[in-house]
Amino acid sequence: MPGGTITSRTRPGGPWQRLLPRVYLLQTGPPDQRQRALAAVLYAAEPTADPLSGDTAALTGGAALALLGIREAPYGPETPADVLIRAPRKLTGTPQVRPLPTSRWPRTITVCGIPGTRPVRAAADFASRATDADSDRIRSTLAQVVQAGWCHPHDLHAELRAARLLTRPAIRAAAAELLAGVRSIAEAQARDVLTATDLPTPLWNARLHTPDGTFLASPDAYWPDEGVALEIDSAEYHYTRDAWHATLRRRLRLESHGILVVSATPSILRDTPDEVLAALRTLLTLTTPRPTPPTALARGHQQLPLFRS
């Protein structure tokens, strides 16, 4: 395209806008999330290669996770997109693009027409760029990737180990929580509270079934020997009438099979954890002489071992 045409159309008030060197948006409004991510890859790809092949540039980190719907992924208009390029190639970074040279070129996938790394690699690259001071964001984002089914905790742990990230305390702690079965930041905080006590260690997100094999529920924490469950119900997921009714019905199903339930919100666990611990301690103590033991079975649940690098 003639340079004069581009110059004319990208002048102030023109119909196009320049997003990055050699990358133009054919509209006047601000780019959306997908357009910003696509522009980053187009800029980072080698000029002589197919920019959408995933061979010379691939979206990763928070930008790639955001396209997958991970809500905690730190990618907004003011956040640069992380893009892998093959080492030792050099590329000038911009406020919109952060090039990450790598000798471990990954398998790539295409999401919304944009080549990117698989979720497990994107999560590891996100963790590598985060600071240990942002440990809650690391825990929450990695937990969402696993909770959404984008990768298995063992695969994520292996990727973090391959990237030599398990030496960092915040990342190592988040990986250990996922291997233990924790799947949210609220559960991680509850695990911190419980670990500091002498209470028995529960199963996290165990899938409970009735004796005939019917699925019953998957409480956040479950003590199988005592038949006690902890449910952490946040207002974000339970504020509608239907969601609240579903929560009550799940609790009724658990209690109908002899399981005693302690319910708390994330804010209660954060602000008044002693109240939750007192309720759990009472139920865990009272269940020993209970004449009617719980009939639910925790099936297919295994605490995954932690392999240290």
C-alpha atoms as a PDB file:
ATOM      1  CA  MET A   1       0.000   0.000   0.000  1.00  0.00           C
ATOM      2  CA  PRO A   2       1.462   3.399  -0.893  1.00  0.00           C
ATOM      3  CA  GLY A   3       2.905   5.258   2.063  1.00  0.00           C
ATOM      4  CA  GLY A   4       0.959   8.361   1.074  1.00  0.00           C
ATOM      5  CA  THR A   5      -2.331   6.487   1.435  1.00  0.00           C
ATOM      6  CA  ILE A   6      -1.444   5.359   4.954  1.00  0.00           C
ATOM      7  CA  THR A   7      -0.277   8.838   5.913  1.00  0.00           C
ATOM      8  CA  SER A   8      -3.466  10.396   4.577  1.00  0.00           C
ATOM      9  CA  ARG A   9      -5.805   7.969   6.273  1.00  0.00           C
ATOM     10  CA  THR A  10      -4.021   8.095   9.665  1.00  0.00           C
ATOM     11  CA  ARG A  11      -3.880  11.884   9.868  1.00  0.00           C
ATOM     12  CA  PRO A  12      -5.683  13.484  12.842  1.00  0.00           C
ATOM     13  CA  GLY A  13      -9.403  12.946  12.295  1.00  0.00           C
ATOM     14  CA  GLY A  14      -8.741  10.328   9.595  1.00  0.00           C
ATOM     15  CA  PRO A  15     -10.532   6.961   9.382  1.00  0.00           C
ATOM     16  CA  TRP A  16      -7.506   4.860  10.418  1.00  0.00           C
ATOM     17  CA  GLN A  17      -5.159   4.885  13.395  1.00  0.00           C
ATOM     18  CA  ARG A  18      -1.630   3.648  13.958  1.00  0.00           C
ATOM     19  CA  LEU A  19      -1.459   1.197  16.853  1.00  0.00           C
ATOM     20  CA  LEU A  20       2.158   0.072  16.494  1.00  0.00           C
ATOM     21  CA  PRO A  21       4.926   0.322  13.914  1.00  0.00           C
ATOM     22  CA  ARG A  22       3.565  -1.289  10.714  1.00  0.00           C
ATOM     23  CA  VAL A  23       0.214  -2.039  12.410  1.00  0.00           C
ATOM     24  CA  TYR A  24      -2.892   0.034  11.671  1.00  0.00           C
ATOM     25  CA  LEU A  25      -6.476  -0.196  12.840  1.00  0.00           C
ATOM     26  CA  LEU A  26      -9.102   0.584  10.223  1.00  0.00           C
ATOM     27  CA  GLN A  27     -11.533   2.275  12.584  1.00  0.00           C
ATOM     28  CA  THR A  28     -11.732   5.470  14.598  1.00  0.00           C
ATOM     29  CA  GLY A  29     -12.793   4.024  17.949  1.00  0.00           C
ATOM     30  CA  PRO A  30     -10.389   2.577  20.531  1.00  0.00           C
ATOM     31  CA  PRO A  31      -9.249  -1.024  19.965  1.00  0.00           C
ATOM     32  CA  ASP A  32     -10.891  -3.745  22.001  1.00  0.00           C
ATOM     33  CA  GLN A  33      -9.032  -6.447  23.925  1.00  0.00           C
ATOM     34  CA  ARG A  34      -8.758  -8.808  20.965  1.00  0.00           C
ATOM     35  CA  GLN A  35      -7.561  -6.079  18.593  1.00  0.00           C
ATOM     36  CA  ARG A  36      -4.861  -4.974  21.017  1.00  0.00           C
ATOM     37  CA  ALA A  37      -3.641  -8.568  21.404  1.00  0.00           C
ATOM     38  CA  LEU A  38      -3.692  -9.134  17.646  1.00  0.00           C
ATOM     39  CA  ALA A  39      -1.756  -5.915  17.036  1.00  0.00           C
ATOM     40  CA  ALA A  40       0.917  -7.058  19.512  1.00  0.00           C
ATOM     41  CA  VAL A  41       1.445 -10.343  17.662  1.00  0.00           C
ATOM     42  CA  LEU A  42       1.474  -8.648  14.236  1.00  0.00           C
ATOM     43  CA  TYR A  43       4.137  -6.253  15.466  1.00  0.00           C
ATOM     44  CA  ALA A  44       6.273  -8.977  17.092  1.00  0.00           C
ATOM     45  CA  ALA A  45       6.211 -11.462  14.190  1.00  0.00           C
ATOM     46  CA  GLU A  46       9.169 -11.551  11.824  1.00  0.00           C
ATOM     47  CA  PRO A  47       8.397  -9.293   8.842  1.00  0.00           C
ATOM     48  CA  THR A  48       9.111 -12.057   6.314  1.00  0.00           C
ATOM     49  CA  ALA A  49       7.004 -14.719   8.082  1.00  0.00           C
ATOM     50  CA  ASP A  50       3.286 -15.385   8.238  1.00  0.00           C
ATOM     51  CA  PRO A  51       2.424 -13.336  11.351  1.00  0.00           C
ATOM     52  CA  LEU A  52      -0.477 -15.623  12.317  1.00  0.00           C
ATOM     53  CA  SER A  53       1.388 -18.924  11.945  1.00  0.00           C
ATOM     54  CA  GLY A  54       2.600 -18.976  15.539  1.00  0.00           C
ATOM     55  CA  ASP A  55       6.135 -19.743  14.315  1.00  0.00           C
ATOM     56  CA  THR A  56       7.818 -16.436  15.157  1.00  0.00           C
ATOM     57  CA  ALA A  57       5.431 -14.713  17.593  1.00  0.00           C
ATOM     58  CA  ALA A  58       2.911 -16.096  20.085  1.00  0.00           C
ATOM     59  CA  LEU A  59       0.770 -14.323  22.658  1.00  0.00           C
ATOM     60  CA  THR A  60       1.377 -15.494  26.215  1.00  0.00           C
ATOM     61  CA  GLY A  61       1.018 -14.441  29.854  1.00  0.00           C
ATOM     62  CA  GLY A  62      -1.904 -12.360  31.055  1.00  0.00           C
ATOM     63  CA  ALA A  63      -2.975 -11.305  27.558  1.00  0.00           C
ATOM     64  CA  ALA A  64      -3.335 -14.933  26.418  1.00  0.00           C
ATOM     65  CA  LEU A  65      -5.181 -15.894  29.613  1.00  0.00           C
ATOM     66  CA  ALA A  66      -7.557 -12.941  29.231  1.00  0.00           C
ATOM     67  CA  LEU A  67      -8.611 -14.202  25.790  1.00  0.00           C
ATOM     68  CA  LEU A  68      -9.461 -17.529  27.450  1.00  0.00           C
ATOM     69  CA  GLY A  69     -11.791 -15.774  29.886  1.00  0.00           C
ATOM     70  CA  ILE A  70      -9.570 -15.802  32.981  1.00  0.00           C
ATOM     71  CA  ARG A  71     -10.991 -12.844  34.868  1.00  0.00           C
ATOM     72  CA  GLU A  72      -7.996 -12.201  37.087  1.00  0.00           C
ATOM     73  CA  ALA A  73      -5.577 -12.054  34.163  1.00  0.00           C
ATOM     74  CA  PRO A  74      -3.849  -8.655  34.336  1.00  0.00           C
ATOM     75  CA  TYR A  75      -4.440  -7.400  30.823  1.00  0.00           C
ATOM     76  CA  GLY A  76      -6.042  -4.030  30.219  1.00  0.00           C
ATOM     77  CA  PRO A  77      -5.554  -0.983  27.993  1.00  0.00           C
ATOM     78  CA  GLU A  78      -2.594   0.167  30.102  1.00  0.00           C
ATOM     79  CA  THR A  79      -0.951  -3.270  30.350  1.00  0.00           C
ATOM     80  CA  PRO A  80       1.569  -4.458  27.741  1.00  0.00           C
ATOM     81  CA  ALA A  81       0.885  -7.767  26.035  1.00  0.00           C
ATOM     82  CA  ASP A  82       3.545 -10.426  26.561  1.00  0.00           C
ATOM     83  CA  VAL A  83       4.579 -11.957  23.219  1.00  0.00           C
ATOM     84  CA  LEU A  84       7.109 -14.766  22.832  1.00  0.00           C
ATOM     85  CA  ILE A  85       9.728 -14.425  20.132  1.00  0.00           C
ATOM     86  CA  ARG A  86      12.502 -16.875  19.310  1.00  0.00           C
ATOM     87  CA  ALA A  87      15.831 -16.197  21.005  1.00  0.00           C
ATOM     88  CA  PRO A  88      18.303 -14.742  20.207  1.00  0.00           C
ATOM     89  CA  ARG A  89      16.166 -12.407  18.110  1.00  0.00           C
ATOM     90  CA  LYS A  90      15.849  -8.891  19.517  1.00  0.00           C
ATOM     91  CA  LEU A  91      12.767  -6.692  19.282  1.00  0.00           C
ATOM     92  CA  THR A  92      12.195  -3.247  20.707  1.00  0.00           C
ATOM     93  CA  GLY A  93       9.469  -3.226  23.312  1.00  0.00           C
ATOM     94  CA  THR A  94       6.717  -0.620  23.413  1.00  0.00           C
ATOM     95  CA  PRO A  95       4.157   0.452  26.023  1.00  0.00           C
ATOM     96  CA  GLN A  96       1.761  -1.978  24.301  1.00  0.00           C
ATOM     97  CA  VAL A  97       4.096  -4.941  23.683  1.00  0.00           C
ATOM     98  CA  ARG A  98       6.596  -6.718  25.920  1.00  0.00           C
ATOM     99  CA  PRO A  99       8.698  -9.117  23.815  1.00  0.00           C
ATOM    100  CA  LEU A 100       9.883 -12.234  25.655  1.00  0.00           C
ATOM    101  CA  PRO A 101      12.736 -14.013  23.833  1.00  0.00           C
ATOM    102  CA  THR A 102      12.763 -17.744  24.597  1.00  0.00           C
ATOM    103  CA  SER A 103      14.748 -20.797  23.601  1.00  0.00           C
ATOM    104  CA  ARG A 104      11.878 -23.057  24.804  1.00  0.00           C
ATOM    105  CA  TRP A 105       9.502 -22.471  21.920  1.00  0.00           C
ATOM    106  CA  PRO A 106       6.134 -23.996  22.862  1.00  0.00           C
ATOM    107  CA  ARG A 107       3.334 -25.643  20.951  1.00  0.00           C
ATOM    108  CA  THR A 108       0.871 -22.939  19.980  1.00  0.00           C
ATOM    109  CA  ILE A 109      -2.886 -22.730  19.622  1.00  0.00           C
ATOM    110  CA  THR A 110      -5.168 -20.176  17.993  1.00  0.00           C
ATOM    111  CA  VAL A 111      -7.716 -18.317  20.120  1.00  0.00           C
ATOM    112  CA  CYS A 112      -9.974 -15.708  18.503  1.00  0.00           C
ATOM    113  CA  GLY A 113      -7.744 -15.841  15.430  1.00  0.00           C
ATOM    114  CA  ILE A 114      -4.589 -15.019  17.408  1.00  0.00           C
ATOM    115  CA  PRO A 115      -1.686 -17.467  17.815  1.00  0.00           C
ATOM    116  CA  GLY A 116      -0.756 -18.008  21.434  1.00  0.00           C
ATOM    117  CA  THR A 117       0.757 -20.451  23.847  1.00  0.00           C
ATOM    118  CA  ARG A 118      -1.244 -23.215  25.493  1.00  0.00           C
ATOM    119  CA  PRO A 119      -2.869 -22.163  28.793  1.00  0.00           C
ATOM    120  CA  VAL A 120      -0.303 -24.033  30.898  1.00  0.00           C
ATOM    121  CA  ARG A 121       2.573 -22.096  29.316  1.00  0.00           C
ATOM    122  CA  ALA A 122       0.655 -18.804  29.394  1.00  0.00           C
ATOM    123  CA  ALA A 123       0.052 -19.300  33.128  1.00  0.00           C
ATOM    124  CA  ALA A 124       3.737 -19.988  33.760  1.00  0.00           C
ATOM    125  CA  ASP A 125       4.792 -16.954  31.725  1.00  0.00           C
ATOM    126  CA  PHE A 126       2.302 -14.828  33.656  1.00  0.00           C
ATOM    127  CA  ALA A 127       3.767 -16.054  36.949  1.00  0.00           C
ATOM    128  CA  SER A 128       7.297 -15.343  35.762  1.00  0.00           C
ATOM    129  CA  ARG A 129       6.444 -11.680  35.137  1.00  0.00           C
ATOM    130  CA  ALA A 130       4.473 -11.178  38.370  1.00  0.00           C
ATOM    131  CA  THR A 131       6.208 -10.028  41.534  1.00  0.00           C
ATOM    132  CA  ASP A 132       6.152 -11.954  44.804  1.00  0.00           C
ATOM    133  CA  ALA A 133       4.473  -8.920  46.360  1.00  0.00           C
ATOM    134  CA  ASP A 134       1.452  -9.770  44.191  1.00  0.00           C
ATOM    135  CA  SER A 135       1.112 -13.263  45.664  1.00  0.00           C
ATOM    136  CA  ASP A 136      -2.708 -13.118  45.866  1.00  0.00           C
ATOM    137  CA  ARG A 137      -2.928 -12.346  42.137  1.00  0.00           C
ATOM    138  CA  ILE A 138      -0.603 -15.269  41.392  1.00  0.00           C
ATOM    139  CA  ARG A 139      -2.673 -17.640  43.534  1.00  0.00           C
ATOM    140  CA  SER A 140      -5.972 -16.470  42.109  1.00  0.00           C
ATOM    141  CA  THR A 141      -4.931 -16.513  38.446  1.00  0.00           C
ATOM    142  CA  LEU A 142      -3.271 -19.934  38.565  1.00  0.00           C
ATOM    143  CA  ALA A 143      -6.257 -21.335  40.457  1.00  0.00           C
ATOM    144  CA  GLN A 144      -8.677 -19.995  37.838  1.00  0.00           C
ATOM    145  CA  VAL A 145      -6.684 -21.604  35.018  1.00  0.00           C
ATOM    146  CA  VAL A 146      -6.962 -24.990  36.731  1.00  0.00           C
ATOM    147  CA  GLN A 147     -10.540 -24.479  37.923  1.00  0.00           C
ATOM    148  CA  ALA A 148     -11.655 -23.614  34.384  1.00  0.00           C
ATOM    149  CA  GLY A 149     -10.203 -26.904  33.162  1.00  0.00           C
ATOM    150  CA  TRP A 150      -7.504 -25.382  30.952  1.00  0.00           C
ATOM    151  CA  CYS A 151      -4.799 -27.537  32.503  1.00  0.00           C
ATOM    152  CA  HIS A 152      -4.189 -30.157  35.202  1.00  0.00           C
ATOM    153  CA  PRO A 153      -2.351 -29.023  38.353  1.00  0.00           C
ATOM    154  CA  HIS A 154       0.377 -31.594  37.753  1.00  0.00           C
ATOM    155  CA  ASP A 155       0.972 -30.228  34.242  1.00  0.00           C
ATOM    156  CA  LEU A 156       1.136 -26.684  35.584  1.00  0.00           C
ATOM    157  CA  HIS A 157       3.540 -27.756  38.304  1.00  0.00           C
ATOM    158  CA  ALA A 158       5.758 -29.423  35.693  1.00  0.00           C
ATOM    159  CA  GLU A 159       5.733 -26.282  33.526  1.00  0.00           C
ATOM    160  CA  LEU A 160       6.629 -24.078  36.494  1.00  0.00           C
ATOM    161  CA  ARG A 161       9.446 -26.452  37.359  1.00  0.00           C
ATOM    162  CA  ALA A 162      10.751 -26.457  33.774  1.00  0.00           C
ATOM    163  CA  ALA A 163      10.778 -22.652  33.848  1.00  0.00           C
ATOM    164  CA  ARG A 164      12.675 -22.767  37.183  1.00  0.00           C
ATOM    165  CA  LEU A 165       9.982 -20.743  38.888  1.00  0.00           C
ATOM    166  CA  LEU A 166       9.428 -22.989  41.916  1.00  0.00           C
ATOM    167  CA  THR A 167      12.349 -21.336  43.673  1.00  0.00           C
ATOM    168  CA  ARG A 168      10.108 -18.305  44.190  1.00  0.00           C
ATOM    169  CA  PRO A 169       8.086 -18.669  47.420  1.00  0.00           C
ATOM    170  CA  ALA A 170       4.843 -17.163  46.123  1.00  0.00           C
ATOM    171  CA  ILE A 171       4.776 -19.397  43.034  1.00  0.00           C
ATOM    172  CA  ARG A 172       5.839 -22.495  44.963  1.00  0.00           C
ATOM    173  CA  ALA A 173       3.060 -21.920  47.511  1.00  0.00           C
ATOM    174  CA  ALA A 174       0.425 -21.431  44.792  1.00  0.00           C
ATOM    175  CA  ALA A 175       1.536 -24.621  43.021  1.00  0.00           C
ATOM    176  CA  ALA A 176       1.410 -26.593  46.275  1.00  0.00           C
ATOM    177  CA  GLU A 177      -2.139 -25.386  46.947  1.00  0.00           C
ATOM    178  CA  LEU A 178      -3.283 -26.562  43.522  1.00  0.00           C
ATOM    179  CA  LEU A 179      -1.724 -29.979  44.041  1.00  0.00           C
ATOM    180  CA  ALA A 180      -3.587 -30.216  47.354  1.00  0.00           C
ATOM    181  CA  GLY A 181      -6.899 -29.609  45.582  1.00  0.00           C
ATOM    182  CA  VAL A 182      -7.413 -25.890  46.261  1.00  0.00           C
ATOM    183  CA  ARG A 183      -9.168 -24.157  43.367  1.00  0.00           C
ATOM    184  CA  SER A 184      -9.756 -20.532  44.406  1.00  0.00           C
ATOM    185  CA  ILE A 185      -8.167 -17.707  46.341  1.00  0.00           C
ATOM    186  CA  ALA A 186     -10.843 -18.030  49.034  1.00  0.00           C
ATOM    187  CA  GLU A 187     -10.012 -21.714  49.457  1.00  0.00           C
ATOM    188  CA  ALA A 188      -6.320 -20.864  49.569  1.00  0.00           C
ATOM    189  CA  GLN A 189      -6.967 -18.388  52.367  1.00  0.00           C
ATOM    190  CA  ALA A 190      -9.060 -20.989  54.209  1.00  0.00           C
ATOM    191  CA  ARG A 191      -6.208 -23.486  53.840  1.00  0.00           C
ATOM    192  CA  ASP A 192      -3.821 -20.936  55.362  1.00  0.00           C
ATOM    193  CA  VAL A 193      -6.155 -20.507  58.325  1.00  0.00           C
ATOM    194  CA  LEU A 194      -6.581 -24.262  58.857  1.00  0.00           C
ATOM    195  CA  THR A 195      -2.883 -25.042  58.446  1.00  0.00           C
ATOM    196  CA  ALA A 196      -2.093 -22.796  61.414  1.00  0.00           C
ATOM    197  CA  THR A 197      -4.303 -24.939  63.721  1.00  0.00           C
ATOM    198  CA  ASP A 198      -4.228 -28.465  65.095  1.00  0.00           C
ATOM    199  CA  LEU A 199      -7.380 -29.437  63.184  1.00  0.00           C
ATOM    200  CA  PRO A 200      -7.181 -32.504  60.922  1.00  0.00           C
ATOM    201  CA  THR A 201      -6.208 -31.887  57.300  1.00  0.00           C
ATOM    202  CA  PRO A 202      -9.293 -31.956  55.026  1.00  0.00           C
ATOM    203  CA  LEU A 203      -9.727 -33.012  51.416  1.00  0.00           C
ATOM    204  CA  TRP A 204     -10.178 -30.040  49.098  1.00  0.00           C
ATOM    205  CA  ASN A 205     -12.908 -30.209  46.435  1.00  0.00           C
ATOM    206  CA  ALA A 206     -13.462 -33.927  46.939  1.00  0.00           C
ATOM    207  CA  ARG A 207     -16.307 -35.304  44.815  1.00  0.00           C
ATOM    208  CA  LEU A 208     -18.809 -36.973  47.139  1.00  0.00           C
ATOM    209  CA  HIS A 209     -21.104 -39.771  45.962  1.00  0.00           C
ATOM    210  CA  THR A 210     -23.922 -41.727  47.564  1.00  0.00           C
ATOM    211  CA  PRO A 211     -23.389 -45.475  48.114  1.00  0.00           C
ATOM    212  CA  ASP A 212     -25.141 -46.216  44.792  1.00  0.00           C
ATOM    213  CA  GLY A 213     -22.706 -43.989  42.904  1.00  0.00           C
ATOM    214  CA  THR A 214     -24.900 -40.895  42.473  1.00  0.00           C
ATOM    215  CA  PHE A 215     -22.954 -37.641  42.628  1.00  0.00           C
ATOM    216  CA  LEU A 216     -23.844 -35.673  45.740  1.00  0.00           C
ATOM    217  CA  ALA A 217     -21.706 -32.537  45.920  1.00  0.00           C
ATOM    218  CA  SER A 218     -18.141 -31.271  45.964  1.00  0.00           C
ATOM    219  CA  PRO A 219     -17.655 -29.189  49.121  1.00  0.00           C
ATOM    220  CA  ASP A 220     -14.719 -26.828  49.341  1.00  0.00           C
ATOM    221  CA  ALA A 221     -13.202 -28.755  52.266  1.00  0.00           C
ATOM    222  CA  TYR A 222     -14.268 -32.141  53.608  1.00  0.00           C
ATOM    223  CA  TRP A 223     -13.227 -34.240  56.597  1.00  0.00           C
ATOM    224  CA  PRO A 224     -14.226 -37.788  55.545  1.00  0.00           C
ATOM    225  CA  ASP A 225     -13.640 -39.476  58.906  1.00  0.00           C
ATOM    226  CA  GLU A 226     -15.816 -36.977  60.756  1.00  0.00           C
ATOM    227  CA  GLY A 227     -18.327 -36.248  57.986  1.00  0.00           C
ATOM    228  CA  VAL A 228     -17.877 -32.468  58.241  1.00  0.00           C
ATOM    229  CA  ALA A 229     -17.791 -30.053  55.280  1.00  0.00           C
ATOM    230  CA  LEU A 230     -16.764 -26.421  54.928  1.00  0.00           C
ATOM    231  CA  GLU A 231     -18.512 -24.386  52.238  1.00  0.00           C
ATOM    232  CA  ILE A 232     -17.146 -20.956  51.280  1.00  0.00           C
ATOM    233  CA  ASP A 233     -19.975 -19.055  49.621  1.00  0.00           C
ATOM    234  CA  SER A 234     -19.059 -15.683  48.128  1.00  0.00           C
ATOM    235  CA  ALA A 235     -21.717 -13.095  47.352  1.00  0.00           C
ATOM    236  CA  GLU A 236     -20.371 -12.823  43.795  1.00  0.00           C
ATOM    237  CA  TYR A 237     -21.643 -16.302  42.929  1.00  0.00           C
ATOM    238  CA  HIS A 238     -24.677 -16.480  45.217  1.00  0.00           C
ATOM    239  CA  TYR A 239     -26.381 -13.111  44.949  1.00  0.00           C
ATOM    240  CA  THR A 240     -29.231 -14.217  42.662  1.00  0.00           C
ATOM    241  CA  ARG A 241     -32.321 -16.031  43.886  1.00  0.00           C
ATOM    242  CA  ASP A 242     -31.574 -19.136  41.795  1.00  0.00           C
ATOM    243  CA  ALA A 243     -27.945 -19.311  42.920  1.00  0.00           C
ATOM    244  CA  TRP A 244     -28.932 -18.967  46.557  1.00  0.00           C
ATOM    245  CA  HIS A 245     -31.575 -21.690  46.208  1.00  0.00           C
ATOM    246  CA  ALA A 246     -29.016 -23.974  44.543  1.00  0.00           C
ATOM    247  CA  THR A 247     -26.661 -23.406  47.475  1.00  0.00           C
ATOM    248  CA  LEU A 248     -29.380 -24.284  49.984  1.00  0.00           C
ATOM    249  CA  ARG A 249     -30.363 -27.414  48.049  1.00  0.00           C
ATOM    250  CA  ARG A 250     -26.726 -28.560  47.960  1.00  0.00           C
ATOM    251  CA  ARG A 251     -26.494 -28.112  51.714  1.00  0.00           C
ATOM    252  CA  LEU A 252     -29.723 -30.083  52.205  1.00  0.00           C
ATOM    253  CA  ARG A 253     -28.333 -32.931  50.088  1.00  0.00           C
ATOM    254  CA  LEU A 254     -25.198 -33.047  52.202  1.00  0.00           C
ATOM    255  CA  GLU A 255     -27.092 -32.939  55.481  1.00  0.00           C
ATOM    256  CA  SER A 256     -29.552 -35.609  54.337  1.00  0.00           C
ATOM    257  CA  HIS A 257     -26.558 -37.977  54.118  1.00  0.00           C
ATOM    258  CA  GLY A 258     -25.336 -37.193  57.610  1.00  0.00           C
ATOM    259  CA  ILE A 259     -22.764 -34.545  56.684  1.00  0.00           C
ATOM    260  CA  LEU A 260     -22.527 -31.526  58.961  1.00  0.00           C
ATOM    261  CA  VAL A 261     -21.868 -28.276  57.101  1.00  0.00           C
ATOM    262  CA  VAL A 262     -20.151 -25.066  58.207  1.00  0.00           C
ATOM    263  CA  SER A 263     -20.809 -22.159  55.844  1.00  0.00           C
ATOM    264  CA  ALA A 264     -18.763 -18.976  55.645  1.00  0.00           C
ATOM    265  CA  THR A 265     -18.052 -16.159  53.230  1.00  0.00           C
ATOM    266  CA  PRO A 266     -14.529 -15.148  52.167  1.00  0.00           C
ATOM    267  CA  SER A 267     -14.849 -11.952  54.208  1.00  0.00           C
ATOM    268  CA  ILE A 268     -15.769 -13.898  57.365  1.00  0.00           C
ATOM    269  CA  LEU A 269     -12.753 -16.151  56.874  1.00  0.00           C
ATOM    270  CA  ARG A 270     -10.569 -13.093  56.397  1.00  0.00           C
ATOM    271  CA  ASP A 271     -11.947 -10.881  59.168  1.00  0.00           C
ATOM    272  CA  THR A 272     -13.158 -13.317  61.858  1.00  0.00           C
ATOM    273  CA  PRO A 273     -11.527 -16.699  61.197  1.00  0.00           C
ATOM    274  CA  ASP A 274     -11.823 -17.686  64.865  1.00  0.00           C
ATOM    275  CA  GLU A 275     -15.606 -17.930  64.483  1.00  0.00           C
ATOM    276  CA  VAL A 276     -15.239 -20.404  61.622  1.00  0.00           C
ATOM    277  CA  LEU A 277     -12.580 -22.402  63.470  1.00  0.00           C
ATOM    278  CA  ALA A 278     -14.731 -22.595  66.579  1.00  0.00           C
ATOM    279  CA  ALA A 279     -17.665 -23.986  64.589  1.00  0.00           C
ATOM    280  CA  LEU A 280     -15.443 -26.521  62.817  1.00  0.00           C
ATOM    281  CA  ARG A 281     -13.761 -27.579  66.054  1.00  0.00           C
ATOM    282  CA  THR A 282     -17.128 -28.169  67.706  1.00  0.00           C
ATOM    283  CA  LEU A 283     -18.486 -30.274  64.840  1.00  0.00           C
ATOM    284  CA  LEU A 284     -15.270 -32.237  64.391  1.00  0.00           C
ATOM    285  CA  THR A 285     -15.321 -33.033  68.123  1.00  0.00           C
ATOM    286  CA  LEU A 286     -19.011 -33.909  68.278  1.00  0.00           C
ATOM    287  CA  THR A 287     -18.948 -36.263  65.313  1.00  0.00           C
ATOM    288  CA  THR A 288     -16.836 -38.946  67.021  1.00  0.00           C
ATOM    289  CA  PRO A 289     -19.704 -40.421  69.090  1.00  0.00           C
ATOM    290  CA  ARG A 290     -22.336 -39.766  66.416  1.00  0.00           C
ATOM    291  CA  PRO A 291     -24.707 -42.736  66.151  1.00  0.00           C
ATOM    292  CA  THR A 292     -25.365 -42.126  62.436  1.00  0.00           C
ATOM    293  CA  PRO A 293     -22.167 -41.823  60.377  1.00  0.00           C
ATOM    294  CA  PRO A 294     -22.228 -40.058  57.010  1.00  0.00           C
ATOM    295  CA  THR A 295     -23.221 -42.222  54.057  1.00  0.00           C
ATOM    296  CA  ALA A 296     -21.359 -40.183  51.405  1.00  0.00           C
ATOM    297  CA  LEU A 297     -18.165 -41.513  49.863  1.00  0.00           C
ATOM    298  CA  ALA A 298     -15.276 -39.426  48.528  1.00  0.00           C
ATOM    299  CA  ARG A 299     -14.504 -41.138  45.232  1.00  0.00           C
ATOM    300  CA  GLY A 300     -11.650 -40.600  42.844  1.00  0.00           C
ATOM    301  CA  HIS A 301     -10.020 -37.996  45.076  1.00  0.00           C
ATOM    302  CA  GLN A 302      -6.299 -38.163  45.653  1.00  0.00           C
ATOM    303  CA  GLN A 303      -4.041 -35.666  47.297  1.00  0.00           C
ATOM    304  CA  LEU A 304      -1.411 -35.189  44.613  1.00  0.00           C
ATOM    305  CA  PRO A 305       2.192 -35.462  45.818  1.00  0.00           C
ATOM    306  CA  LEU A 306       4.411 -32.416  45.611  1.00  0.00           C
ATOM    307  CA  PHE A 307       7.641 -32.927  43.725  1.00  0.00           C
ATOM    308  CA  ARG A 308      10.237 -30.305  44.565  1.00  0.00           C
ATOM    309  CA  SER A 309      12.736 -29.139  41.999  1.00  0.00           C
END
